[in-house]
Structure formats: C-alpha cells, structure tokens
Amino acid sequence: LHGMNTTSGAIIHVLGVGAGTPIGAKEILQDADIVIGSERQLKLLPQFNCPSLNYPSPLAELRGLLEEYTDKRVVLLASGDPLFHGIGHWLQQHCHTHRIVYLPNVSSIQLAFSLLGKSWSHAAVINLHGRPLGQIRRHLKMHRDFAILTDADNNPRAIAQQLLECGFEESSIH
C-alpha cells in the first residue's frame, strides 16, 4: 500500500470464488492468516483455519485494514474474475500491485453466456451496479448482445422498462 513498509514480502492473494475453485486456492486458504470477503463469498468456501472478516463499508476502509495486516498472509475474496468489474480495479488504484497475486474464477458473464450456449466474444458489457440506470441508453444498439451487471435498483424489471422506453420492445432478456 502507498506509504506502507513493503520490505516484509507479504503478498495479498485475491481469490475469485463462484463456479468451482481456482487452482491453488485450497493451499492459499490453508496458509492464510486472515480471509476478507463479503458474507456471501465467505459462505461459498469450505472451512479455513484462520479468522475471517467482512469487507468494510465503505470500501475505502479496506486500505486501513490491509495496513493493519501488512505482515500477514491476506486473502481477499472476489466474485468470479477480480480484474473484470471487480475488486481488482480498486486494488490497482490503492495498492502496490507487485504485492498482489490474482487467482481468477469464471466470471458471472462467462457463466451466463455458457448456460445460454451463446458466444460472448462480441457482447458489450455494461456495469450498472451502483450507477444510474439511464447510462444504459448510450450503449443500446440493434442486433447486439449485452451483458449487464445489475444491482437491487437496476434490476431486470427496471432494465426491461428502459428498453421499452427506448424502442427495444423486441429484445430478449435472460
């Protein structure tokens, strides 16, 4: 972390959880001194032999928490791929990246397209999580596949209403 003593060689492992377990995850969890994740993420993992904490809210408090554990083996849990609309972006802005090792998992978008049997190589990804729903309008194009990351307010019903208002009444939503 900026301003932290980095001579200890401690590494932060960012472990993607969700569909399956990334290679090496069990060993990293066994060696961890502390595991930090959301309540949902912590429930997805088998028991580990160290303390666990929920991510602080607001997330900005994570920096202080990581400073507190600077000489410990820290595992941060992420949903799917932490570098794809995940905690990885925040960490790259606030931490020394040479101290971070990422172990991604299958992302929710990969999983969704696989379950639909559709290629997602040309799909546009829109992140509406914690953002204004109206942002979707600038992305809409006919005959285009989209993957939309949602939240409680920007849910499928609200997105469908936006599509109707924008003239996309023939759209399929999964």
C-alpha atoms as a PDB file:
ATOM      1  CA  LEU A   1       0.000   0.000   0.000  1.00  0.00           C
ATOM      2  CA  HIS A   2       1.191   3.519  -0.608  1.00  0.00           C
ATOM      3  CA  GLY A   3       3.274   4.615   2.350  1.00  0.00           C
ATOM      4  CA  MET A   4       3.423   1.114   3.843  1.00  0.00           C
ATOM      5  CA  ASN A   5       6.557  -0.800   4.697  1.00  0.00           C
ATOM      6  CA  THR A   6       6.780  -3.312   1.849  1.00  0.00           C
ATOM      7  CA  THR A   7      10.012  -4.997   2.904  1.00  0.00           C
ATOM      8  CA  SER A   8       8.162  -7.848   4.587  1.00  0.00           C
ATOM      9  CA  GLY A   9       7.444  -9.609   1.317  1.00  0.00           C
ATOM     10  CA  ALA A  10       3.850 -10.211   2.394  1.00  0.00           C
ATOM     11  CA  ILE A  11       1.549 -10.857  -0.525  1.00  0.00           C
ATOM     12  CA  ILE A  12      -2.156 -10.254  -0.851  1.00  0.00           C
ATOM     13  CA  HIS A  13      -3.904 -13.079  -2.704  1.00  0.00           C
ATOM     14  CA  VAL A  14      -7.135 -12.088  -4.427  1.00  0.00           C
ATOM     15  CA  LEU A  15      -9.142 -15.256  -4.870  1.00  0.00           C
ATOM     16  CA  GLY A  16     -12.084 -15.455  -7.253  1.00  0.00           C
ATOM     17  CA  VAL A  17     -14.947 -17.535  -5.896  1.00  0.00           C
ATOM     18  CA  GLY A  18     -18.080 -18.783  -7.577  1.00  0.00           C
ATOM     19  CA  ALA A  19     -18.219 -21.624 -10.101  1.00  0.00           C
ATOM     20  CA  GLY A  20     -15.567 -24.077  -8.953  1.00  0.00           C
ATOM     21  CA  THR A  21     -12.294 -23.432  -7.194  1.00  0.00           C
ATOM     22  CA  PRO A  22      -9.235 -21.876  -8.868  1.00  0.00           C
ATOM     23  CA  ILE A  23      -6.060 -23.969  -8.949  1.00  0.00           C
ATOM     24  CA  GLY A  24      -4.051 -23.400  -5.787  1.00  0.00           C
ATOM     25  CA  ALA A  25      -6.957 -21.899  -3.840  1.00  0.00           C
ATOM     26  CA  LYS A  26      -7.038 -24.575  -1.141  1.00  0.00           C
ATOM     27  CA  GLU A  27      -3.345 -24.165  -0.365  1.00  0.00           C
ATOM     28  CA  ILE A  28      -3.620 -20.385  -0.251  1.00  0.00           C
ATOM     29  CA  LEU A  29      -6.581 -20.593   2.127  1.00  0.00           C
ATOM     30  CA  GLN A  30      -4.754 -23.090   4.345  1.00  0.00           C
ATOM     31  CA  ASP A  31      -1.743 -20.763   4.614  1.00  0.00           C
ATOM     32  CA  ALA A  32      -3.788 -17.578   5.149  1.00  0.00           C
ATOM     33  CA  ASP A  33      -3.618 -15.538   8.343  1.00  0.00           C
ATOM     34  CA  ILE A  34      -6.838 -13.650   7.527  1.00  0.00           C
ATOM     35  CA  VAL A  35      -9.561 -14.002   4.865  1.00  0.00           C
ATOM     36  CA  ILE A  36     -11.627 -10.961   3.905  1.00  0.00           C
ATOM     37  CA  GLY A  37     -14.773 -11.194   1.802  1.00  0.00           C
ATOM     38  CA  SER A  38     -18.465 -10.489   1.641  1.00  0.00           C
ATOM     39  CA  GLU A  39     -20.787 -12.607   3.757  1.00  0.00           C
ATOM     40  CA  ARG A  40     -21.959 -14.427   0.610  1.00  0.00           C
ATOM     41  CA  GLN A  41     -18.394 -15.110  -0.555  1.00  0.00           C
ATOM     42  CA  LEU A  42     -17.275 -16.407   2.841  1.00  0.00           C
ATOM     43  CA  LYS A  43     -20.193 -18.878   2.846  1.00  0.00           C
ATOM     44  CA  LEU A  44     -19.121 -20.285  -0.540  1.00  0.00           C
ATOM     45  CA  LEU A  45     -15.799 -21.549   0.768  1.00  0.00           C
ATOM     46  CA  PRO A  46     -15.027 -24.639   2.781  1.00  0.00           C
ATOM     47  CA  GLN A  47     -13.864 -24.031   6.309  1.00  0.00           C
ATOM     48  CA  PHE A  48     -10.429 -22.479   6.677  1.00  0.00           C
ATOM     49  CA  ASN A  49      -8.247 -22.285   9.768  1.00  0.00           C
ATOM     50  CA  CYS A  50      -7.924 -18.546  10.242  1.00  0.00           C
ATOM     51  CA  PRO A  51     -10.092 -15.569  11.166  1.00  0.00           C
ATOM     52  CA  SER A  52     -12.342 -14.012   8.551  1.00  0.00           C
ATOM     53  CA  LEU A  53     -13.755 -10.523   8.196  1.00  0.00           C
ATOM     54  CA  ASN A  54     -16.441  -8.962   6.028  1.00  0.00           C
ATOM     55  CA  TYR A  55     -15.357  -6.276   3.594  1.00  0.00           C
ATOM     56  CA  PRO A  56     -15.617  -2.896   5.310  1.00  0.00           C
ATOM     57  CA  SER A  57     -18.215  -0.390   4.234  1.00  0.00           C
ATOM     58  CA  PRO A  58     -17.316   1.989   2.763  1.00  0.00           C
ATOM     59  CA  LEU A  59     -14.700   0.086   0.776  1.00  0.00           C
ATOM     60  CA  ALA A  60     -12.176   2.905   1.314  1.00  0.00           C
ATOM     61  CA  GLU A  61     -11.694   1.499   4.832  1.00  0.00           C
ATOM     62  CA  LEU A  62     -10.141  -1.617   3.266  1.00  0.00           C
ATOM     63  CA  ARG A  63      -6.878   0.268   2.855  1.00  0.00           C
ATOM     64  CA  GLY A  64      -6.545   0.754   6.624  1.00  0.00           C
ATOM     65  CA  LEU A  65      -7.497  -2.866   7.211  1.00  0.00           C
ATOM     66  CA  LEU A  66      -4.789  -4.055   4.822  1.00  0.00           C
ATOM     67  CA  GLU A  67      -2.262  -1.769   6.527  1.00  0.00           C
ATOM     68  CA  GLU A  68      -3.203  -3.416   9.814  1.00  0.00           C
ATOM     69  CA  TYR A  69      -2.340  -6.834   8.326  1.00  0.00           C
ATOM     70  CA  THR A  70       0.711  -5.734   6.344  1.00  0.00           C
ATOM     71  CA  ASP A  71       2.900  -8.566   7.683  1.00  0.00           C
ATOM     72  CA  LYS A  72       0.192 -11.223   7.392  1.00  0.00           C
ATOM     73  CA  ARG A  73      -0.867 -13.556   4.624  1.00  0.00           C
ATOM     74  CA  VAL A  74      -4.095 -11.908   3.483  1.00  0.00           C
ATOM     75  CA  VAL A  75      -6.651 -13.479   1.165  1.00  0.00           C
ATOM     76  CA  LEU A  76      -9.265 -11.157  -0.344  1.00  0.00           C
ATOM     77  CA  LEU A  77     -12.269 -12.876  -1.870  1.00  0.00           C
ATOM     78  CA  ALA A  78     -13.760 -11.655  -5.133  1.00  0.00           C
ATOM     79  CA  SER A  79     -16.696 -12.751  -7.236  1.00  0.00           C
ATOM     80  CA  GLY A  80     -15.518 -14.502 -10.391  1.00  0.00           C
ATOM     81  CA  ASP A  81     -12.647 -12.648 -12.022  1.00  0.00           C
ATOM     82  CA  PRO A  82     -11.453  -9.849  -9.703  1.00  0.00           C
ATOM     83  CA  LEU A  83      -9.976  -7.941 -12.659  1.00  0.00           C
ATOM     84  CA  PHE A  84     -13.249  -7.895 -14.616  1.00  0.00           C
ATOM     85  CA  HIS A  85     -15.523  -5.319 -12.983  1.00  0.00           C
ATOM     86  CA  GLY A  86     -14.303  -6.441  -9.571  1.00  0.00           C
ATOM     87  CA  ILE A  87     -12.166  -5.527  -6.578  1.00  0.00           C
ATOM     88  CA  GLY A  88      -9.004  -5.734  -8.711  1.00  0.00           C
ATOM     89  CA  HIS A  89      -9.563  -2.269 -10.182  1.00  0.00           C
ATOM     90  CA  TRP A  90      -9.793  -0.698  -6.720  1.00  0.00           C
ATOM     91  CA  LEU A  91      -6.689  -2.567  -5.548  1.00  0.00           C
ATOM     92  CA  GLN A  92      -4.672  -1.405  -8.550  1.00  0.00           C
ATOM     93  CA  GLN A  93      -5.514   2.188  -7.667  1.00  0.00           C
ATOM     94  CA  HIS A  94      -4.712   1.877  -3.952  1.00  0.00           C
ATOM     95  CA  CYS A  95      -2.090  -0.882  -3.504  1.00  0.00           C
ATOM     96  CA  HIS A  96       1.386  -1.775  -4.723  1.00  0.00           C
ATOM     97  CA  THR A  97       0.469  -4.211  -7.465  1.00  0.00           C
ATOM     98  CA  HIS A  98       3.716  -6.191  -7.102  1.00  0.00           C
ATOM     99  CA  ARG A  99       2.347  -7.409  -3.761  1.00  0.00           C
ATOM    100  CA  ILE A 100      -0.892  -8.747  -5.231  1.00  0.00           C
ATOM    101  CA  VAL A 101      -1.469 -12.148  -6.821  1.00  0.00           C
ATOM    102  CA  TYR A 102      -4.770 -12.707  -8.625  1.00  0.00           C
ATOM    103  CA  LEU A 103      -6.409 -16.131  -8.881  1.00  0.00           C
ATOM    104  CA  PRO A 104      -9.495 -15.575 -11.049  1.00  0.00           C
ATOM    105  CA  ASN A 105     -12.536 -17.758 -11.323  1.00  0.00           C
ATOM    106  CA  VAL A 106     -15.179 -17.970 -14.019  1.00  0.00           C
ATOM    107  CA  SER A 107     -16.981 -14.624 -14.221  1.00  0.00           C
ATOM    108  CA  SER A 108     -20.751 -14.363 -13.930  1.00  0.00           C
ATOM    109  CA  ILE A 109     -20.831 -13.173 -17.532  1.00  0.00           C
ATOM    110  CA  GLN A 110     -18.847 -16.166 -18.805  1.00  0.00           C
ATOM    111  CA  LEU A 111     -21.142 -18.469 -16.886  1.00  0.00           C
ATOM    112  CA  ALA A 112     -24.328 -16.786 -18.133  1.00  0.00           C
ATOM    113  CA  PHE A 113     -23.317 -16.933 -21.794  1.00  0.00           C
ATOM    114  CA  SER A 114     -22.221 -20.559 -21.383  1.00  0.00           C
ATOM    115  CA  LEU A 115     -25.563 -21.512 -19.874  1.00  0.00           C
ATOM    116  CA  LEU A 116     -27.290 -19.797 -22.818  1.00  0.00           C
ATOM    117  CA  GLY A 117     -24.982 -21.563 -25.292  1.00  0.00           C
ATOM    118  CA  LYS A 118     -24.018 -18.230 -26.853  1.00  0.00           C
ATOM    119  CA  SER A 119     -20.653 -16.787 -27.776  1.00  0.00           C
ATOM    120  CA  TRP A 120     -19.861 -13.634 -25.852  1.00  0.00           C
ATOM    121  CA  SER A 121     -16.810 -12.534 -27.810  1.00  0.00           C
ATOM    122  CA  HIS A 122     -18.748  -9.642 -29.365  1.00  0.00           C
ATOM    123  CA  ALA A 123     -21.036  -8.816 -26.452  1.00  0.00           C
ATOM    124  CA  ALA A 124     -20.893  -5.390 -24.871  1.00  0.00           C
ATOM    125  CA  VAL A 125     -20.572  -5.366 -21.095  1.00  0.00           C
ATOM    126  CA  ILE A 126     -22.439  -2.669 -19.181  1.00  0.00           C
ATOM    127  CA  ASN A 127     -21.888  -2.243 -15.471  1.00  0.00           C
ATOM    128  CA  LEU A 128     -24.960  -0.676 -13.858  1.00  0.00           C
ATOM    129  CA  HIS A 129     -24.009  -1.781 -10.341  1.00  0.00           C
ATOM    130  CA  GLY A 130     -24.271   1.380  -8.237  1.00  0.00           C
ATOM    131  CA  ARG A 131     -24.646   3.573 -11.317  1.00  0.00           C
ATOM    132  CA  PRO A 132     -27.556   5.474 -12.837  1.00  0.00           C
ATOM    133  CA  LEU A 133     -29.871   3.261 -14.885  1.00  0.00           C
ATOM    134  CA  GLY A 134     -30.073   5.918 -17.613  1.00  0.00           C
ATOM    135  CA  GLN A 135     -26.465   5.114 -18.583  1.00  0.00           C
ATOM    136  CA  ILE A 136     -27.778   2.100 -20.452  1.00  0.00           C
ATOM    137  CA  ARG A 137     -29.262   4.344 -23.164  1.00  0.00           C
ATOM    138  CA  ARG A 138     -25.895   5.381 -24.621  1.00  0.00           C
ATOM    139  CA  HIS A 139     -24.926   1.731 -25.152  1.00  0.00           C
ATOM    140  CA  LEU A 140     -28.056   0.419 -26.849  1.00  0.00           C
ATOM    141  CA  LYS A 141     -27.750  -0.732 -30.470  1.00  0.00           C
ATOM    142  CA  MET A 142     -29.940  -3.009 -32.547  1.00  0.00           C
ATOM    143  CA  HIS A 143     -28.877  -6.633 -33.054  1.00  0.00           C
ATOM    144  CA  ARG A 144     -26.279  -6.530 -30.280  1.00  0.00           C
ATOM    145  CA  ASP A 145     -25.746  -8.837 -27.327  1.00  0.00           C
ATOM    146  CA  PHE A 146     -25.232  -7.193 -23.972  1.00  0.00           C
ATOM    147  CA  ALA A 147     -24.192  -8.445 -20.588  1.00  0.00           C
ATOM    148  CA  ILE A 148     -25.433  -6.117 -17.873  1.00  0.00           C
ATOM    149  CA  LEU A 149     -24.179  -6.216 -14.309  1.00  0.00           C
ATOM    150  CA  THR A 150     -27.104  -5.231 -12.108  1.00  0.00           C
ATOM    151  CA  ASP A 151     -27.923  -4.291  -8.522  1.00  0.00           C
ATOM    152  CA  ALA A 152     -31.093  -4.046  -6.408  1.00  0.00           C
ATOM    153  CA  ASP A 153     -32.237  -0.804  -8.105  1.00  0.00           C
ATOM    154  CA  ASN A 154     -31.026  -1.596 -11.621  1.00  0.00           C
ATOM    155  CA  ASN A 155     -32.775  -4.941 -11.724  1.00  0.00           C
ATOM    156  CA  PRO A 156     -34.124  -6.840 -14.770  1.00  0.00           C
ATOM    157  CA  ARG A 157     -37.573  -5.227 -14.453  1.00  0.00           C
ATOM    158  CA  ALA A 158     -36.105  -1.687 -14.456  1.00  0.00           C
ATOM    159  CA  ILE A 159     -33.829  -2.562 -17.367  1.00  0.00           C
ATOM    160  CA  ALA A 160     -36.757  -4.002 -19.341  1.00  0.00           C
ATOM    161  CA  GLN A 161     -38.686  -0.759 -18.762  1.00  0.00           C
ATOM    162  CA  GLN A 162     -35.719   1.245 -20.123  1.00  0.00           C
ATOM    163  CA  LEU A 163     -35.586  -0.997 -23.183  1.00  0.00           C
ATOM    164  CA  LEU A 164     -39.298  -0.431 -23.828  1.00  0.00           C
ATOM    165  CA  GLU A 165     -38.922   3.338 -23.458  1.00  0.00           C
ATOM    166  CA  CYS A 166     -36.025   3.300 -25.961  1.00  0.00           C
ATOM    167  CA  GLY A 167     -37.910   1.299 -28.609  1.00  0.00           C
ATOM    168  CA  PHE A 168     -36.249  -2.066 -27.950  1.00  0.00           C
ATOM    169  CA  GLU A 169     -39.515  -3.922 -27.265  1.00  0.00           C
ATOM    170  CA  GLU A 170     -38.399  -6.929 -29.350  1.00  0.00           C
ATOM    171  CA  SER A 171     -35.385  -7.576 -27.111  1.00  0.00           C
ATOM    172  CA  SER A 172     -34.822 -10.893 -25.371  1.00  0.00           C
ATOM    173  CA  ILE A 173     -33.698 -10.767 -21.762  1.00  0.00           C
ATOM    174  CA  HIS A 174     -32.185 -13.736 -19.930  1.00  0.00           C
END
